[in-house]
Protein backbone atom coordinates (compact mmCIF):
# COMPACT_ATOMS: atom_id res chain seq x y z
CA MET A 1 110.25 94.39 122.25
CA VAL A 2 107.57 97.19 121.76
CA PHE A 3 110.40 99.84 122.97
CA LEU A 4 112.72 98.43 120.41
CA SER A 5 110.05 98.67 117.79
CA PHE A 6 109.29 102.20 118.54
CA ILE A 7 113.19 103.01 118.26
CA LEU A 8 113.13 101.26 114.84
CA LEU A 9 110.40 103.01 113.26
CA THR A 10 111.00 106.56 114.87
CA GLY A 11 114.84 107.11 114.68
CA SER A 12 117.06 109.05 116.30
CA CYS A 13 119.48 111.23 114.27
CA GLY A 14 121.90 110.70 117.27
CA PHE A 15 124.90 111.25 115.42
CA SER A 16 127.64 113.59 116.13
CA GLN A 17 129.08 115.79 113.33
CA THR A 18 132.09 113.53 113.29
CA PRO A 19 132.90 112.86 109.75
CA VAL A 20 133.72 108.60 109.61
CA ASN A 21 135.01 106.88 106.75
CA GLN A 22 135.08 103.08 107.01
CA SER A 23 137.00 102.00 103.67
CA GLU A 24 140.61 102.48 103.76
CA ASN A 25 140.41 104.02 100.25
CA ALA A 26 137.79 106.42 100.95
CA TYR A 27 137.58 109.73 99.50
CA THR A 28 135.49 112.61 100.98
CA ILE A 29 134.86 115.96 99.01
CA PRO A 30 135.14 118.74 101.53
CA GLU A 31 131.48 119.51 102.44
CA GLU A 32 131.84 123.10 101.11
CA MET A 33 132.31 121.77 97.63
CA ILE A 34 129.19 119.71 97.83
CA GLN A 35 126.00 121.95 96.44
CA GLN A 36 123.65 120.86 98.93
CA ILE A 37 119.80 121.30 98.68
CA GLN A 38 118.27 123.66 100.90
CA LYS A 39 114.29 123.42 101.90
CA SER A 40 112.42 123.90 104.84
CA GLU A 41 111.03 121.12 106.74
CA GLN A 42 107.62 121.84 105.53
CA GLU A 43 108.78 121.64 102.20
CA TRP A 44 110.54 118.35 102.56
CA LEU A 45 107.19 116.85 104.10
CA GLU A 46 105.09 117.97 101.11
CA GLU A 47 107.61 116.81 98.43
CA ILE A 48 108.50 113.57 99.66
CA GLY A 49 105.50 112.41 101.85
CA GLU A 50 105.13 111.21 105.68
CA GLU A 51 106.73 107.81 105.26
CA ARG A 52 109.86 109.00 103.42
CA TYR A 53 110.06 112.44 105.62
CA LYS A 54 110.40 110.21 108.76
CA ILE A 55 113.15 108.44 107.30
CA LEU A 56 115.17 110.73 105.23
CA ARG A 57 114.73 114.00 107.56
CA GLN A 58 114.08 112.38 111.19
CA CYS A 59 116.55 109.00 110.87
CA GLY A 60 113.71 106.80 111.24
CA THR A 61 114.01 103.21 110.28
CA GLU A 62 111.32 100.97 108.42
CA PRO A 63 110.51 97.49 109.70
CA PRO A 64 113.03 94.95 108.58
CA PHE A 65 111.92 92.59 105.72
CA THR A 66 109.10 95.42 104.57
CA GLY A 67 111.01 97.40 102.22
CA LYS A 68 109.94 97.56 98.54
CA TYR A 69 113.88 97.23 97.39
CA TYR A 70 114.75 94.52 100.11
CA ARG A 71 114.35 91.56 97.49
CA HIS A 72 114.66 93.85 94.43
CA LYS A 73 116.79 92.18 91.75
CA ALA A 74 116.27 94.49 88.66
CA LYS A 75 119.49 95.82 86.94
CA GLY A 76 120.12 99.60 87.47
CA THR A 77 121.10 102.32 89.65
CA TYR A 78 119.61 103.16 93.44
CA THR A 79 119.15 106.91 93.66
CA CYS A 80 118.30 109.09 96.74
CA ALA A 81 114.41 109.52 97.17
CA GLY A 82 115.05 113.02 98.36
CA CYS A 83 116.88 114.28 95.51
CA GLY A 84 117.83 111.92 92.94
CA ASN A 85 121.45 111.69 93.82
CA GLU A 86 122.90 108.27 92.41
CA LEU A 87 123.79 106.27 95.26
CA PHE A 88 124.38 102.32 94.43
CA ARG A 89 124.58 100.35 91.60
CA SER A 90 122.46 96.96 91.48
CA ASP A 91 125.51 94.77 90.94
CA ALA A 92 127.10 95.90 94.43
CA LYS A 93 123.64 94.91 95.84
CA TYR A 94 123.66 91.45 97.89
CA GLU A 95 121.26 89.55 100.38
CA SER A 96 122.89 90.02 103.90
CA GLY A 97 119.94 88.42 105.86
CA SER A 98 119.53 91.87 107.87
CA GLY A 99 115.93 92.88 106.45
CA TRP A 100 117.02 95.88 104.63
CA PRO A 101 118.59 96.40 100.95
CA SER A 102 122.54 95.91 101.44
CA PHE A 103 125.30 97.07 99.09
CA PHE A 104 129.11 96.32 99.41
CA GLU A 105 130.14 99.58 97.85
CA ALA A 106 128.48 103.22 97.02
CA LEU A 107 128.57 104.22 93.37
CA ASP A 108 130.60 107.15 94.23
CA LYS A 109 132.01 107.48 98.05
CA SER A 110 131.71 111.30 97.38
CA LYS A 111 127.73 111.21 97.10
CA ILE A 112 127.44 109.59 100.76
CA LYS A 113 128.36 111.05 104.13
CA GLU A 114 129.57 109.15 107.02
CA LEU A 115 129.07 110.30 110.49
CA ARG A 116 129.44 108.81 113.64
CA ASP A 117 125.90 107.88 115.20
CA VAL A 118 126.05 107.20 119.23
CA SER A 119 122.25 106.99 119.57
CA TYR A 120 120.71 104.07 121.60
CA GLY A 121 123.99 103.12 123.79
CA MET A 122 125.72 101.99 120.27
CA ILE A 123 128.87 103.15 118.03
CA ARG A 124 127.67 103.14 114.57
CA THR A 125 128.28 105.04 111.21
CA GLU A 126 125.25 106.82 109.77
CA ILE A 127 125.05 106.98 106.01
CA ARG A 128 123.49 110.19 104.45
CA CYS A 129 123.03 111.68 100.98
CA ALA A 130 125.55 114.11 100.35
CA LYS A 131 123.62 116.33 98.26
CA CYS A 132 120.34 116.75 100.38
CA ASP A 133 121.58 115.52 103.84
CA GLY A 134 118.91 112.69 103.61
CA HIS A 135 119.36 109.57 106.33
CA LEU A 136 119.94 106.51 104.22
CA GLY A 137 120.79 104.14 106.75
CA HIS A 138 124.29 102.81 108.20
CA VAL A 139 127.38 101.27 107.03
CA PHE A 140 129.16 98.29 109.09
CA PRO A 141 132.48 96.66 108.39
CA ASP A 142 130.82 92.96 108.08
CA GLY A 143 130.10 92.92 104.62
CA PRO A 144 131.61 90.79 101.77
CA LYS A 145 134.71 90.97 99.60
CA PRO A 146 136.02 92.94 98.16
CA THR A 147 135.21 95.80 100.29
CA GLY A 148 134.11 94.03 103.57
CA LEU A 149 131.29 96.85 104.36
CA ARG A 150 127.67 96.32 104.56
CA TYR A 151 125.83 99.69 103.52
CA CYS A 152 122.33 99.08 105.23
CA VAL A 153 119.53 100.96 103.56
CA ASN A 154 116.09 101.83 104.00
CA SER A 155 114.18 101.06 100.82
CA ALA A 156 111.95 104.37 101.58
CA SER A 157 115.00 106.47 101.32
CA LEU A 158 116.05 104.97 97.51
CA GLU A 159 114.30 105.26 94.11
CA PHE A 160 115.26 103.20 91.31
CA LYS A 161 116.23 103.59 87.90
CA GLU A 162 116.33 100.45 85.66
CA ALA A 163 119.21 100.31 83.18
CA GLU A 164 118.55 100.42 79.62
CA GLU A 165 118.90 97.60 77.36
């Protein structure tokens, strides 16, 4: 169990560069058309802090049931903590029981990159911010209708913009 905790907290970035799309209606903008943010690793560390750096830049994972957005219920938009890219709407958030914030769809599929992750003897689909290449979490094909997807996201990779009344 200690080994598993170490894996969850340190991450791996064990993905191949093979893009993957889980939804049948997925649309991916070619990478050369996305204006990506370019910063040194030191600049990222100074800007986002150590905890977020470990998750967004080193593919770490926060412990389950601990993130600030796990039970968050406010109405608004979840954005990338690295660059502010709008990723998920609160009305797509649901309780999956996984221990991390879960969404059944992205706000716009072109804002999230999906990559094949073969770390730790598993085959998964990693999700990254298309704008800053920050690690967000993974997407699984076991979510609710209408998409059947579960975007399992680290709270530390997100910020929240509350909806204006």
